[in-house]
Amino acid sequence: RFRSNRCLTPRDGAGMRRDRGQYRHRVTLEILASPTVSPSGQKVKVWATVGTYWASVRPASGRETENADRLKATATHIVTMPYTQALSPATHRLIFKGRILNIQTAMNYDERNREYLLTCIEVVNPQS
């Protein structure tokens, strides 16, 4: 008998069934460690790697704004990944292909501890 490669319960944000093979991107989950002090006396954020996971990363929208004569581009992404641990947008972020994705919301899909639906923002500043 033919068995489908489709998940029975997880669905993407649009409510459509998703193939397991759609976890085709590698992302690194990082957590904010205790800040350190630089030689100049400034606090520096230090990030520690939690692990690397398979995920689905989709661009959702993009916009550009101009503040103080600087162009700032913001791209929003939807990331779906297996449930790993309790995530907090304040202390976790993702690294995707060398780009930093700050987690804005972390939804434990159906509260079943199987899958996360994350909305992330990548801030790109070409003049920095």
PDB file of N, CA and C in Angstrom:
ATOM      1  N   ARG A   1       0.833  -1.174   0.000  1.00  0.00           N
ATOM      2  CA  ARG A   1       0.000   0.000   0.000  1.00  0.00           C
ATOM      3  C   ARG A   1       0.880   1.242   0.000  1.00  0.00           C
ATOM      4  N   PHE A   2       0.530   2.234  -0.776  1.00  0.00           N
ATOM      5  CA  PHE A   2       1.286   3.483  -0.889  1.00  0.00           C
ATOM      6  C   PHE A   2       1.086   4.326   0.357  1.00  0.00           C
ATOM      7  N   ARG A   3       2.207   4.804   0.932  1.00  0.00           N
ATOM      8  CA  ARG A   3       2.124   5.686   2.096  1.00  0.00           C
ATOM      9  C   ARG A   3       2.566   7.071   1.689  1.00  0.00           C
ATOM     10  N   SER A   4       1.786   8.041   2.040  1.00  0.00           N
ATOM     11  CA  SER A   4       2.094   9.427   1.713  1.00  0.00           C
ATOM     12  C   SER A   4       3.206   9.941   2.620  1.00  0.00           C
ATOM     13  N   ASN A   5       3.998  10.850   2.105  1.00  0.00           N
ATOM     14  CA  ASN A   5       5.044  11.484   2.885  1.00  0.00           C
ATOM     15  C   ASN A   5       4.529  12.759   3.537  1.00  0.00           C
ATOM     16  N   ARG A   6       3.244  12.890   3.692  1.00  0.00           N
ATOM     17  CA  ARG A   6       2.669  14.092   4.279  1.00  0.00           C
ATOM     18  C   ARG A   6       2.489  13.922   5.779  1.00  0.00           C
ATOM     19  N   CYS A   7       2.680  15.028   6.501  1.00  0.00           N
ATOM     20  CA  CYS A   7       2.418  15.037   7.936  1.00  0.00           C
ATOM     21  C   CYS A   7       0.911  14.968   8.143  1.00  0.00           C
ATOM     22  N   LEU A   8       0.493  14.303   9.185  1.00  0.00           N
ATOM     23  CA  LEU A   8      -0.933  14.197   9.432  1.00  0.00           C
ATOM     24  C   LEU A   8      -1.473  15.392  10.207  1.00  0.00           C
ATOM     25  N   THR A   9      -0.709  15.917  11.153  1.00  0.00           N
ATOM     26  CA  THR A   9      -1.234  17.011  11.957  1.00  0.00           C
ATOM     27  C   THR A   9      -0.622  18.366  11.664  1.00  0.00           C
ATOM     28  N   PRO A  10       0.712  18.495  11.497  1.00  0.00           N
ATOM     29  CA  PRO A  10       1.245  19.846  11.305  1.00  0.00           C
ATOM     30  C   PRO A  10       0.764  20.480  10.014  1.00  0.00           C
ATOM     31  N   ARG A  11       0.483  21.755  10.097  1.00  0.00           N
ATOM     32  CA  ARG A  11       0.068  22.534   8.932  1.00  0.00           C
ATOM     33  C   ARG A  11       0.844  23.840   8.956  1.00  0.00           C
ATOM     34  N   ASP A  12       1.012  24.441   7.795  1.00  0.00           N
ATOM     35  CA  ASP A  12       1.721  25.727   7.781  1.00  0.00           C
ATOM     36  C   ASP A  12       0.765  26.841   8.187  1.00  0.00           C
ATOM     37  N   GLY A  13       1.236  28.087   8.195  1.00  0.00           N
ATOM     38  CA  GLY A  13       0.443  29.218   8.658  1.00  0.00           C
ATOM     39  C   GLY A  13      -0.842  29.413   7.890  1.00  0.00           C
ATOM     40  N   ALA A  14      -0.912  28.918   6.652  1.00  0.00           N
ATOM     41  CA  ALA A  14      -2.118  29.081   5.843  1.00  0.00           C
ATOM     42  C   ALA A  14      -3.104  27.954   6.082  1.00  0.00           C
ATOM     43  N   GLY A  15      -2.764  26.991   6.945  1.00  0.00           N
ATOM     44  CA  GLY A  15      -3.666  25.889   7.239  1.00  0.00           C
ATOM     45  C   GLY A  15      -3.602  24.763   6.230  1.00  0.00           C
ATOM     46  N   MET A  16      -2.560  24.728   5.398  1.00  0.00           N
ATOM     47  CA  MET A  16      -2.420  23.670   4.399  1.00  0.00           C
ATOM     48  C   MET A  16      -1.474  22.605   4.922  1.00  0.00           C
ATOM     49  N   ARG A  17      -1.705  21.361   4.524  1.00  0.00           N
ATOM     50  CA  ARG A  17      -0.787  20.296   4.924  1.00  0.00           C
ATOM     51  C   ARG A  17       0.555  20.507   4.266  1.00  0.00           C
ATOM     52  N   ARG A  18       1.597  20.113   4.973  1.00  0.00           N
ATOM     53  CA  ARG A  18       2.953  20.345   4.502  1.00  0.00           C
ATOM     54  C   ARG A  18       3.712  19.031   4.445  1.00  0.00           C
ATOM     55  N   ASP A  19       4.514  18.850   3.414  1.00  0.00           N
ATOM     56  CA  ASP A  19       5.361  17.682   3.303  1.00  0.00           C
ATOM     57  C   ASP A  19       6.497  17.775   4.305  1.00  0.00           C
ATOM     58  N   ARG A  20       6.915  16.627   4.833  1.00  0.00           N
ATOM     59  CA  ARG A  20       8.051  16.615   5.745  1.00  0.00           C
ATOM     60  C   ARG A  20       9.304  17.106   5.047  1.00  0.00           C
ATOM     61  N   GLY A  21       9.420  16.911   3.758  1.00  0.00           N
ATOM     62  CA  GLY A  21      10.588  17.327   3.000  1.00  0.00           C
ATOM     63  C   GLY A  21      10.741  18.827   2.884  1.00  0.00           C
ATOM     64  N   GLN A  22       9.785  19.589   3.364  1.00  0.00           N
ATOM     65  CA  GLN A  22       9.905  21.044   3.276  1.00  0.00           C
ATOM     66  C   GLN A  22      10.837  21.609   4.330  1.00  0.00           C
ATOM     67  N   TYR A  23      11.293  20.809   5.286  1.00  0.00           N
ATOM     68  CA  TYR A  23      12.348  21.243   6.200  1.00  0.00           C
ATOM     69  C   TYR A  23      13.656  21.078   5.447  1.00  0.00           C
ATOM     70  N   ARG A  24      13.973  22.004   4.564  1.00  0.00           N
ATOM     71  CA  ARG A  24      15.143  21.836   3.709  1.00  0.00           C
ATOM     72  C   ARG A  24      16.224  22.877   3.946  1.00  0.00           C
ATOM     73  N   HIS A  25      16.028  23.737   4.941  1.00  0.00           N
ATOM     74  CA  HIS A  25      17.023  24.756   5.263  1.00  0.00           C
ATOM     75  C   HIS A  25      17.653  24.441   6.615  1.00  0.00           C
ATOM     76  N   ARG A  26      18.936  24.760   6.748  1.00  0.00           N
ATOM     77  CA  ARG A  26      19.623  24.579   8.024  1.00  0.00           C
ATOM     78  C   ARG A  26      19.671  25.936   8.733  1.00  0.00           C
ATOM     79  N   VAL A  27      19.225  25.956   9.984  1.00  0.00           N
ATOM     80  CA  VAL A  27      19.277  27.163  10.793  1.00  0.00           C
ATOM     81  C   VAL A  27      19.994  26.837  12.101  1.00  0.00           C
ATOM     82  N   THR A  28      20.686  27.823  12.621  1.00  0.00           N
ATOM     83  CA  THR A  28      21.354  27.680  13.905  1.00  0.00           C
ATOM     84  C   THR A  28      20.593  28.508  14.925  1.00  0.00           C
ATOM     85  N   LEU A  29      20.196  27.868  16.009  1.00  0.00           N
ATOM     86  CA  LEU A  29      19.488  28.542  17.089  1.00  0.00           C
ATOM     87  C   LEU A  29      20.520  29.016  18.108  1.00  0.00           C
ATOM     88  N   GLU A  30      20.439  30.303  18.458  1.00  0.00           N
ATOM     89  CA  GLU A  30      21.360  30.866  19.438  1.00  0.00           C
ATOM     90  C   GLU A  30      20.582  31.447  20.612  1.00  0.00           C
ATOM     91  N   ILE A  31      21.227  31.458  21.778  1.00  0.00           N
ATOM     92  CA  ILE A  31      20.637  32.026  22.984  1.00  0.00           C
ATOM     93  C   ILE A  31      21.567  33.116  23.505  1.00  0.00           C
ATOM     94  N   LEU A  32      20.973  34.146  24.070  1.00  0.00           N
ATOM     95  CA  LEU A  32      21.738  35.258  24.619  1.00  0.00           C
ATOM     96  C   LEU A  32      22.405  34.811  25.909  1.00  0.00           C
ATOM     97  N   ALA A  33      23.732  34.843  25.913  1.00  0.00           N
ATOM     98  CA  ALA A  33      24.486  34.488  27.121  1.00  0.00           C
ATOM     99  C   ALA A  33      24.688  35.750  27.955  1.00  0.00           C
ATOM    100  N   SER A  34      25.353  35.607  29.080  1.00  0.00           N
ATOM    101  CA  SER A  34      25.565  36.802  29.904  1.00  0.00           C
ATOM    102  C   SER A  34      26.458  37.802  29.184  1.00  0.00           C
ATOM    103  N   PRO A  35      26.072  39.070  29.236  1.00  0.00           N
ATOM    104  CA  PRO A  35      26.857  40.084  28.533  1.00  0.00           C
ATOM    105  C   PRO A  35      28.248  40.231  29.157  1.00  0.00           C
ATOM    106  N   THR A  36      29.211  40.577  28.326  1.00  0.00           N
ATOM    107  CA  THR A  36      30.563  40.827  28.807  1.00  0.00           C
ATOM    108  C   THR A  36      30.870  42.306  28.632  1.00  0.00           C
ATOM    109  N   VAL A  37      31.939  42.728  29.236  1.00  0.00           N
ATOM    110  CA  VAL A  37      32.348  44.128  29.149  1.00  0.00           C
ATOM    111  C   VAL A  37      33.581  44.198  28.257  1.00  0.00           C
ATOM    112  N   SER A  38      33.517  45.069  27.254  1.00  0.00           N
ATOM    113  CA  SER A  38      34.645  45.247  26.342  1.00  0.00           C
ATOM    114  C   SER A  38      35.745  46.054  27.029  1.00  0.00           C
ATOM    115  N   PRO A  39      36.959  46.070  26.445  1.00  0.00           N
ATOM    116  CA  PRO A  39      38.033  46.868  27.043  1.00  0.00           C
ATOM    117  C   PRO A  39      37.689  48.352  27.179  1.00  0.00           C
ATOM    118  N   SER A  40      36.782  48.843  26.329  1.00  0.00           N
ATOM    119  CA  SER A  40      36.389  50.255  26.417  1.00  0.00           C
ATOM    120  C   SER A  40      35.309  50.492  27.477  1.00  0.00           C
ATOM    121  N   GLY A  41      34.855  49.417  28.141  1.00  0.00           N
ATOM    122  CA  GLY A  41      33.870  49.551  29.211  1.00  0.00           C
ATOM    123  C   GLY A  41      32.431  49.396  28.776  1.00  0.00           C
ATOM    124  N   GLN A  42      32.185  49.098  27.490  1.00  0.00           N
ATOM    125  CA  GLN A  42      30.815  48.930  27.003  1.00  0.00           C
ATOM    126  C   GLN A  42      30.371  47.477  27.159  1.00  0.00           C
ATOM    127  N   LYS A  43      29.060  47.298  27.431  1.00  0.00           N
ATOM    128  CA  LYS A  43      28.511  45.946  27.499  1.00  0.00           C
ATOM    129  C   LYS A  43      28.358  45.399  26.088  1.00  0.00           C
ATOM    130  N   VAL A  44      28.757  44.156  25.896  1.00  0.00           N
ATOM    131  CA  VAL A  44      28.692  43.498  24.591  1.00  0.00           C
ATOM    132  C   VAL A  44      27.835  42.253  24.737  1.00  0.00           C
ATOM    133  N   LYS A  45      26.837  42.089  23.848  1.00  0.00           N
ATOM    134  CA  LYS A  45      26.009  40.888  23.864  1.00  0.00           C
ATOM    135  C   LYS A  45      26.808  39.708  23.337  1.00  0.00           C
ATOM    136  N   VAL A  46      26.701  38.582  24.022  1.00  0.00           N
ATOM    137  CA  VAL A  46      27.382  37.361  23.608  1.00  0.00           C
ATOM    138  C   VAL A  46      26.315  36.303  23.358  1.00  0.00           C
ATOM    139  N   TRP A  47      26.376  35.672  22.182  1.00  0.00           N
ATOM    140  CA  TRP A  47      25.399  34.651  21.809  1.00  0.00           C
ATOM    141  C   TRP A  47      26.066  33.284  21.837  1.00  0.00           C
ATOM    142  N   ALA A  48      25.374  32.296  22.381  1.00  0.00           N
ATOM    143  CA  ALA A  48      25.872  30.925  22.436  1.00  0.00           C
ATOM    144  C   ALA A  48      24.983  30.045  21.558  1.00  0.00           C
ATOM    145  N   THR A  49      25.585  29.108  20.856  1.00  0.00           N
ATOM    146  CA  THR A  49      24.837  28.213  19.971  1.00  0.00           C
ATOM    147  C   THR A  49      24.126  27.134  20.784  1.00  0.00           C
ATOM    148  N   VAL A  50      22.819  26.993  20.519  1.00  0.00           N
ATOM    149  CA  VAL A  50      22.030  25.924  21.140  1.00  0.00           C
ATOM    150  C   VAL A  50      22.121  24.672  20.281  1.00  0.00           C
ATOM    151  N   GLY A  51      21.996  24.837  18.960  1.00  0.00           N
ATOM    152  CA  GLY A  51      22.071  23.703  18.049  1.00  0.00           C
ATOM    153  C   GLY A  51      21.724  24.129  16.632  1.00  0.00           C
ATOM    154  N   THR A  52      21.913  23.209  15.697  1.00  0.00           N
ATOM    155  CA  THR A  52      21.575  23.437  14.298  1.00  0.00           C
ATOM    156  C   THR A  52      20.439  22.492  13.929  1.00  0.00           C
ATOM    157  N   TYR A  53      19.414  23.030  13.248  1.00  0.00           N
ATOM    158  CA  TYR A  53      18.191  22.274  12.990  1.00  0.00           C
ATOM    159  C   TYR A  53      17.749  22.437  11.542  1.00  0.00           C
ATOM    160  N   TRP A  54      16.973  21.469  11.068  1.00  0.00           N
ATOM    161  CA  TRP A  54      16.315  21.586   9.770  1.00  0.00           C
ATOM    162  C   TRP A  54      15.063  22.427   9.964  1.00  0.00           C
ATOM    163  N   ALA A  55      14.790  23.306   9.005  1.00  0.00           N
ATOM    164  CA  ALA A  55      13.636  24.199   9.115  1.00  0.00           C
ATOM    165  C   ALA A  55      13.165  24.592   7.721  1.00  0.00           C
ATOM    166  N   SER A  56      12.028  25.230   7.665  1.00  0.00           N
ATOM    167  CA  SER A  56      11.512  25.834   6.444  1.00  0.00           C
ATOM    168  C   SER A  56      11.551  27.342   6.651  1.00  0.00           C
ATOM    169  N   VAL A  57      12.263  28.055   5.775  1.00  0.00           N
ATOM    170  CA  VAL A  57      12.391  29.508   5.883  1.00  0.00           C
ATOM    171  C   VAL A  57      11.775  30.129   4.643  1.00  0.00           C
ATOM    172  N   ARG A  58      10.746  30.976   4.851  1.00  0.00           N
ATOM    173  CA  ARG A  58      10.064  31.641   3.732  1.00  0.00           C
ATOM    174  C   ARG A  58      10.067  33.140   3.955  1.00  0.00           C
ATOM    175  N   PRO A  59      10.401  33.907   2.932  1.00  0.00           N
ATOM    176  CA  PRO A  59      10.244  35.356   3.079  1.00  0.00           C
ATOM    177  C   PRO A  59       8.759  35.703   3.054  1.00  0.00           C
ATOM    178  N   ALA A  60       8.343  36.584   3.954  1.00  0.00           N
ATOM    179  CA  ALA A  60       6.934  36.957   4.027  1.00  0.00           C
ATOM    180  C   ALA A  60       6.683  38.342   3.460  1.00  0.00           C
ATOM    181  N   SER A  61       7.586  39.279   3.724  1.00  0.00           N
ATOM    182  CA  SER A  61       7.411  40.639   3.214  1.00  0.00           C
ATOM    183  C   SER A  61       8.738  41.362   3.334  1.00  0.00           C
ATOM    184  N   GLY A  62       8.771  42.568   2.817  1.00  0.00           N
ATOM    185  CA  GLY A  62       9.974  43.381   2.938  1.00  0.00           C
ATOM    186  C   GLY A  62       9.610  44.839   2.828  1.00  0.00           C
ATOM    187  N   ARG A  63      10.411  45.704   3.449  1.00  0.00           N
ATOM    188  CA  ARG A  63      10.156  47.132   3.341  1.00  0.00           C
ATOM    189  C   ARG A  63      11.458  47.883   3.604  1.00  0.00           C
ATOM    190  N   GLU A  64      11.491  49.065   3.102  1.00  0.00           N
ATOM    191  CA  GLU A  64      12.658  49.918   3.310  1.00  0.00           C
ATOM    192  C   GLU A  64      12.204  51.220   3.941  1.00  0.00           C
ATOM    193  N   THR A  65      12.972  51.700   4.926  1.00  0.00           N
ATOM    194  CA  THR A  65      12.683  52.981   5.548  1.00  0.00           C
ATOM    195  C   THR A  65      13.972  53.795   5.584  1.00  0.00           C
ATOM    196  N   GLU A  66      13.819  55.092   5.670  1.00  0.00           N
ATOM    197  CA  GLU A  66      14.976  55.960   5.731  1.00  0.00           C
ATOM    198  C   GLU A  66      14.929  56.730   7.035  1.00  0.00           C
ATOM    199  N   ASN A  67      15.934  56.535   7.870  1.00  0.00           N
ATOM    200  CA  ASN A  67      16.021  57.212   9.159  1.00  0.00           C
ATOM    201  C   ASN A  67      17.379  57.902   9.252  1.00  0.00           C
ATOM    202  N   ALA A  68      17.368  59.172   9.562  1.00  0.00           N
ATOM    203  CA  ALA A  68      18.604  59.940   9.760  1.00  0.00           C
ATOM    204  C   ALA A  68      19.567  59.757   8.601  1.00  0.00           C
ATOM    205  N   ASP A  69      19.054  59.890   7.384  1.00  0.00           N
ATOM    206  CA  ASP A  69      19.864  59.778   6.161  1.00  0.00           C
ATOM    207  C   ASP A  69      20.501  58.405   5.974  1.00  0.00           C
ATOM    208  N   ARG A  70      19.956  57.387   6.598  1.00  0.00           N
ATOM    209  CA  ARG A  70      20.458  56.028   6.404  1.00  0.00           C
ATOM    210  C   ARG A  70      19.308  55.158   5.923  1.00  0.00           C
ATOM    211  N   LEU A  71      19.603  54.328   4.970  1.00  0.00           N
ATOM    212  CA  LEU A  71      18.599  53.402   4.447  1.00  0.00           C
ATOM    213  C   LEU A  71      18.619  52.143   5.293  1.00  0.00           C
ATOM    214  N   LYS A  72      17.462  51.734   5.745  1.00  0.00           N
ATOM    215  CA  LYS A  72      17.347  50.551   6.585  1.00  0.00           C
ATOM    216  C   LYS A  72      16.311  49.630   5.943  1.00  0.00           C
ATOM    217  N   ALA A  73      16.734  48.443   5.558  1.00  0.00           N
ATOM    218  CA  ALA A  73      15.819  47.477   4.943  1.00  0.00           C
ATOM    219  C   ALA A  73      15.452  46.420   5.968  1.00  0.00           C
ATOM    220  N   THR A  74      14.177  46.104   6.056  1.00  0.00           N
ATOM    221  CA  THR A  74      13.694  45.088   6.983  1.00  0.00           C
ATOM    222  C   THR A  74      12.967  44.015   6.191  1.00  0.00           C
ATOM    223  N   ALA A  75      13.403  42.786   6.354  1.00  0.00           N
ATOM    224  CA  ALA A  75      12.743  41.661   5.690  1.00  0.00           C
ATOM    225  C   ALA A  75      12.156  40.757   6.752  1.00  0.00           C
ATOM    226  N   THR A  76      10.926  40.372   6.583  1.00  0.00           N
ATOM    227  CA  THR A  76      10.267  39.506   7.544  1.00  0.00           C
ATOM    228  C   THR A  76      10.192  38.096   6.978  1.00  0.00           C
ATOM    229  N   HIS A  77      10.483  37.114   7.814  1.00  0.00           N
ATOM    230  CA  HIS A  77      10.495  35.705   7.408  1.00  0.00           C
ATOM    231  C   HIS A  77       9.576  34.892   8.305  1.00  0.00           C
ATOM    232  N   ILE A  78       9.033  33.841   7.742  1.00  0.00           N
ATOM    233  CA  ILE A  78       8.272  32.853   8.487  1.00  0.00           C
ATOM    234  C   ILE A  78       9.134  31.598   8.533  1.00  0.00           C
ATOM    235  N   VAL A  79       9.416  31.120   9.738  1.00  0.00           N
ATOM    236  CA  VAL A  79      10.261  29.938   9.908  1.00  0.00           C
ATOM    237  C   VAL A  79       9.438  28.868  10.615  1.00  0.00           C
ATOM    238  N   THR A  80       9.415  27.690  10.038  1.00  0.00           N
ATOM    239  CA  THR A  80       8.756  26.545  10.655  1.00  0.00           C
ATOM    240  C   THR A  80       9.842  25.526  10.961  1.00  0.00           C
ATOM    241  N   MET A  81       9.883  25.068  12.209  1.00  0.00           N
ATOM    242  CA  MET A  81      10.906  24.111  12.604  1.00  0.00           C
ATOM    243  C   MET A  81      10.355  23.198  13.693  1.00  0.00           C
ATOM    244  N   PRO A  82      10.973  22.036  13.874  1.00  0.00           N
ATOM    245  CA  PRO A  82      10.498  21.149  14.934  1.00  0.00           C
ATOM    246  C   PRO A  82      10.666  21.788  16.309  1.00  0.00           C
ATOM    247  N   TYR A  83       9.798  21.430  17.223  1.00  0.00           N
ATOM    248  CA  TYR A  83       9.880  21.918  18.593  1.00  0.00           C
ATOM    249  C   TYR A  83      11.159  21.368  19.212  1.00  0.00           C
ATOM    250  N   THR A  84      11.941  22.228  19.842  1.00  0.00           N
ATOM    251  CA  THR A  84      13.188  21.786  20.447  1.00  0.00           C
ATOM    252  C   THR A  84      13.208  22.044  21.944  1.00  0.00           C
ATOM    253  N   GLN A  85      12.831  23.218  22.340  1.00  0.00           N
ATOM    254  CA  GLN A  85      12.800  23.644  23.728  1.00  0.00           C
ATOM    255  C   GLN A  85      11.939  24.893  23.790  1.00  0.00           C
ATOM    256  N   ALA A  86      11.697  25.387  24.988  1.00  0.00           N
ATOM    257  CA  ALA A  86      10.924  26.615  25.108  1.00  0.00           C
ATOM    258  C   ALA A  86      11.752  27.780  24.556  1.00  0.00           C
ATOM    259  N   LEU A  87      11.208  28.492  23.565  1.00  0.00           N
ATOM    260  CA  LEU A  87      11.889  29.630  22.953  1.00  0.00           C
ATOM    261  C   LEU A  87      11.309  30.930  23.477  1.00  0.00           C
ATOM    262  N   SER A  88      12.170  31.908  23.650  1.00  0.00           N
ATOM    263  CA  SER A  88      11.732  33.241  24.035  1.00  0.00           C
ATOM    264  C   SER A  88      12.279  34.230  23.017  1.00  0.00           C
ATOM    265  N   PRO A  89      11.415  35.040  22.389  1.00  0.00           N
ATOM    266  CA  PRO A  89      11.909  36.026  21.424  1.00  0.00           C
ATOM    267  C   PRO A  89      12.935  36.989  22.025  1.00  0.00           C
ATOM    268  N   ALA A  90      12.889  37.197  23.336  1.00  0.00           N
ATOM    269  CA  ALA A  90      13.827  38.125  23.967  1.00  0.00           C
ATOM    270  C   ALA A  90      15.233  37.540  24.088  1.00  0.00           C
ATOM    271  N   THR A  91      15.349  36.218  24.117  1.00  0.00           N
ATOM    272  CA  THR A  91      16.664  35.617  24.370  1.00  0.00           C
ATOM    273  C   THR A  91      17.156  34.679  23.271  1.00  0.00           C
ATOM    274  N   HIS A  92      16.380  34.458  22.221  1.00  0.00           N
ATOM    275  CA  HIS A  92      16.787  33.549  21.149  1.00  0.00           C
ATOM    276  C   HIS A  92      16.785  34.249  19.794  1.00  0.00           C
ATOM    277  N   ARG A  93      17.616  33.769  18.898  1.00  0.00           N
ATOM    278  CA  ARG A  93      17.632  34.232  17.512  1.00  0.00           C
ATOM    279  C   ARG A  93      18.102  33.085  16.638  1.00  0.00           C
ATOM    280  N   LEU A  94      17.910  33.249  15.310  1.00  0.00           N
ATOM    281  CA  LEU A  94      18.333  32.238  14.345  1.00  0.00           C
ATOM    282  C   LEU A  94      19.412  32.813  13.435  1.00  0.00           C
ATOM    283  N   ILE A  95      20.298  31.949  12.981  1.00  0.00           N
ATOM    284  CA  ILE A  95      21.270  32.294  11.955  1.00  0.00           C
ATOM    285  C   ILE A  95      20.911  31.438  10.743  1.00  0.00           C
ATOM    286  N   PHE A  96      20.649  32.104   9.609  1.00  0.00           N
ATOM    287  CA  PHE A  96      20.271  31.420   8.378  1.00  0.00           C
ATOM    288  C   PHE A  96      21.165  31.930   7.256  1.00  0.00           C
ATOM    289  N   LYS A  97      22.010  31.066   6.729  1.00  0.00           N
ATOM    290  CA  LYS A  97      22.945  31.423   5.650  1.00  0.00           C
ATOM    291  C   LYS A  97      23.759  32.666   6.003  1.00  0.00           C
ATOM    292  N   GLY A  98      24.225  32.743   7.250  1.00  0.00           N
ATOM    293  CA  GLY A  98      25.037  33.862   7.684  1.00  0.00           C
ATOM    294  C   GLY A  98      24.253  35.116   8.034  1.00  0.00           C
ATOM    295  N   ARG A  99      22.945  35.078   7.891  1.00  0.00           N
ATOM    296  CA  ARG A  99      22.096  36.233   8.198  1.00  0.00           C
ATOM    297  C   ARG A  99      21.440  36.020   9.556  1.00  0.00           C
ATOM    298  N   ILE A 100      21.275  37.100  10.297  1.00  0.00           N
ATOM    299  CA  ILE A 100      20.670  37.033  11.628  1.00  0.00           C
ATOM    300  C   ILE A 100      19.178  37.294  11.507  1.00  0.00           C
ATOM    301  N   LEU A 101      18.380  36.367  12.032  1.00  0.00           N
ATOM    302  CA  LEU A 101      16.924  36.516  12.065  1.00  0.00           C
ATOM    303  C   LEU A 101      16.501  36.645  13.526  1.00  0.00           C
ATOM    304  N   ASN A 102      16.050  37.824  13.897  1.00  0.00           N
ATOM    305  CA  ASN A 102      15.550  38.045  15.253  1.00  0.00           C
ATOM    306  C   ASN A 102      14.128  37.512  15.351  1.00  0.00           C
ATOM    307  N   ILE A 103      13.874  36.684  16.343  1.00  0.00           N
ATOM    308  CA  ILE A 103      12.556  36.073  16.523  1.00  0.00           C
ATOM    309  C   ILE A 103      11.623  37.096  17.148  1.00  0.00           C
ATOM    310  N   GLN A 104      10.485  37.342  16.492  1.00  0.00           N
ATOM    311  CA  GLN A 104       9.474  38.266  17.007  1.00  0.00           C
ATOM    312  C   GLN A 104       8.394  37.518  17.776  1.00  0.00           C
ATOM    313  N   THR A 105       7.904  36.410  17.215  1.00  0.00           N
ATOM    314  CA  THR A 105       6.909  35.581  17.900  1.00  0.00           C
ATOM    315  C   THR A 105       7.284  34.120  17.711  1.00  0.00           C
ATOM    316  N   ALA A 106       7.001  33.332  18.729  1.00  0.00           N
ATOM    317  CA  ALA A 106       7.253  31.892  18.683  1.00  0.00           C
ATOM    318  C   ALA A 106       5.975  31.184  19.091  1.00  0.00           C
ATOM    319  N   MET A 107       5.318  30.557  18.110  1.00  0.00           N
ATOM    320  CA  MET A 107       4.054  29.872  18.382  1.00  0.00           C
ATOM    321  C   MET A 107       4.280  28.370  18.398  1.00  0.00           C
ATOM    322  N   ASN A 108       3.967  27.735  19.510  1.00  0.00           N
ATOM    323  CA  ASN A 108       4.022  26.280  19.640  1.00  0.00           C
ATOM    324  C   ASN A 108       2.749  25.749  18.988  1.00  0.00           C
ATOM    325  N   TYR A 109       2.876  25.290  17.740  1.00  0.00           N
ATOM    326  CA  TYR A 109       1.705  24.947  16.944  1.00  0.00           C
ATOM    327  C   TYR A 109       0.847  23.905  17.645  1.00  0.00           C
ATOM    328  N   ASP A 110      -0.421  24.190  17.824  1.00  0.00           N
ATOM    329  CA  ASP A 110      -1.417  23.330  18.473  1.00  0.00           C
ATOM    330  C   ASP A 110      -1.052  22.959  19.910  1.00  0.00           C
ATOM    331  N   GLU A 111      -0.039  23.653  20.506  1.00  0.00           N
ATOM    332  CA  GLU A 111       0.392  23.370  21.879  1.00  0.00           C
ATOM    333  C   GLU A 111       0.700  21.880  22.075  1.00  0.00           C
ATOM    334  N   ARG A 112       1.281  21.267  21.036  1.00  0.00           N
ATOM    335  CA  ARG A 112       1.576  19.829  21.106  1.00  0.00           C
ATOM    336  C   ARG A 112       3.065  19.548  21.251  1.00  0.00           C
ATOM    337  N   ASN A 113       3.879  20.592  21.362  1.00  0.00           N
ATOM    338  CA  ASN A 113       5.330  20.450  21.491  1.00  0.00           C
ATOM    339  C   ASN A 113       5.938  19.621  20.359  1.00  0.00           C
ATOM    340  N   ARG A 114       5.452  19.869  19.141  1.00  0.00           N
ATOM    341  CA  ARG A 114       5.970  19.174  17.961  1.00  0.00           C
ATOM    342  C   ARG A 114       6.594  20.123  16.951  1.00  0.00           C
ATOM    343  N   GLU A 115       6.052  21.349  16.864  1.00  0.00           N
ATOM    344  CA  GLU A 115       6.484  22.244  15.802  1.00  0.00           C
ATOM    345  C   GLU A 115       6.319  23.702  16.237  1.00  0.00           C
ATOM    346  N   TYR A 116       7.291  24.521  15.823  1.00  0.00           N
ATOM    347  CA  TYR A 116       7.220  25.964  16.049  1.00  0.00           C
ATOM    348  C   TYR A 116       6.901  26.671  14.749  1.00  0.00           C
ATOM    349  N   LEU A 117       6.114  27.735  14.849  1.00  0.00           N
ATOM    350  CA  LEU A 117       5.890  28.668  13.760  1.00  0.00           C
ATOM    351  C   LEU A 117       6.432  30.005  14.258  1.00  0.00           C
ATOM    352  N   LEU A 118       7.554  30.446  13.684  1.00  0.00           N
ATOM    353  CA  LEU A 118       8.245  31.643  14.143  1.00  0.00           C
ATOM    354  C   LEU A 118       8.102  32.754  13.124  1.00  0.00           C
ATOM    355  N   THR A 119       7.833  33.959  13.577  1.00  0.00           N
ATOM    356  CA  THR A 119       7.939  35.124  12.703  1.00  0.00           C
ATOM    357  C   THR A 119       9.228  35.828  13.093  1.00  0.00           C
ATOM    358  N   CYS A 120      10.047  36.113  12.091  1.00  0.00           N
ATOM    359  CA  CYS A 120      11.376  36.668  12.328  1.00  0.00           C
ATOM    360  C   CYS A 120      11.585  37.919  11.491  1.00  0.00           C
ATOM    361  N   ILE A 121      12.466  38.772  11.973  1.00  0.00           N
ATOM    362  CA  ILE A 121      12.815  39.986  11.241  1.00  0.00           C
ATOM    363  C   ILE A 121      14.327  40.025  11.053  1.00  0.00           C
ATOM    364  N   GLU A 122      14.714  40.223   9.811  1.00  0.00           N
ATOM    365  CA  GLU A 122      16.126  40.419   9.480  1.00  0.00           C
ATOM    366  C   GLU A 122      16.311  41.896   9.177  1.00  0.00           C
ATOM    367  N   VAL A 123      17.210  42.545   9.899  1.00  0.00           N
ATOM    368  CA  VAL A 123      17.491  43.961   9.654  1.00  0.00           C
ATOM    369  C   VAL A 123      18.797  44.052   8.904  1.00  0.00           C
ATOM    370  N   VAL A 124      18.739  44.661   7.730  1.00  0.00           N
ATOM    371  CA  VAL A 124      19.892  44.785   6.870  1.00  0.00           C
ATOM    372  C   VAL A 124      20.227  46.271   6.742  1.00  0.00           C
ATOM    373  N   ASN A 125      21.435  46.633   7.055  1.00  0.00           N
ATOM    374  CA  ASN A 125      21.860  48.019   6.917  1.00  0.00           C
ATOM    375  C   ASN A 125      23.075  48.050   5.984  1.00  0.00           C
ATOM    376  N   PRO A 126      22.871  48.374   4.700  1.00  0.00           N
ATOM    377  CA  PRO A 126      23.970  48.299   3.739  1.00  0.00           C
ATOM    378  C   PRO A 126      25.065  49.336   3.974  1.00  0.00           C
ATOM    379  N   GLN A 127      24.822  50.348   4.816  1.00  0.00           N
ATOM    380  CA  GLN A 127      25.823  51.396   5.032  1.00  0.00           C
ATOM    381  C   GLN A 127      26.630  51.172   6.300  1.00  0.00           C
ATOM    382  N   SER A 128      26.414  50.064   7.000  1.00  0.00           N
ATOM    383  CA  SER A 128      27.151  49.858   8.260  1.00  0.00           C
ATOM    384  C   SER A 128      28.507  49.249   8.006  1.00  0.00           C
TER     385      SER A 128
END
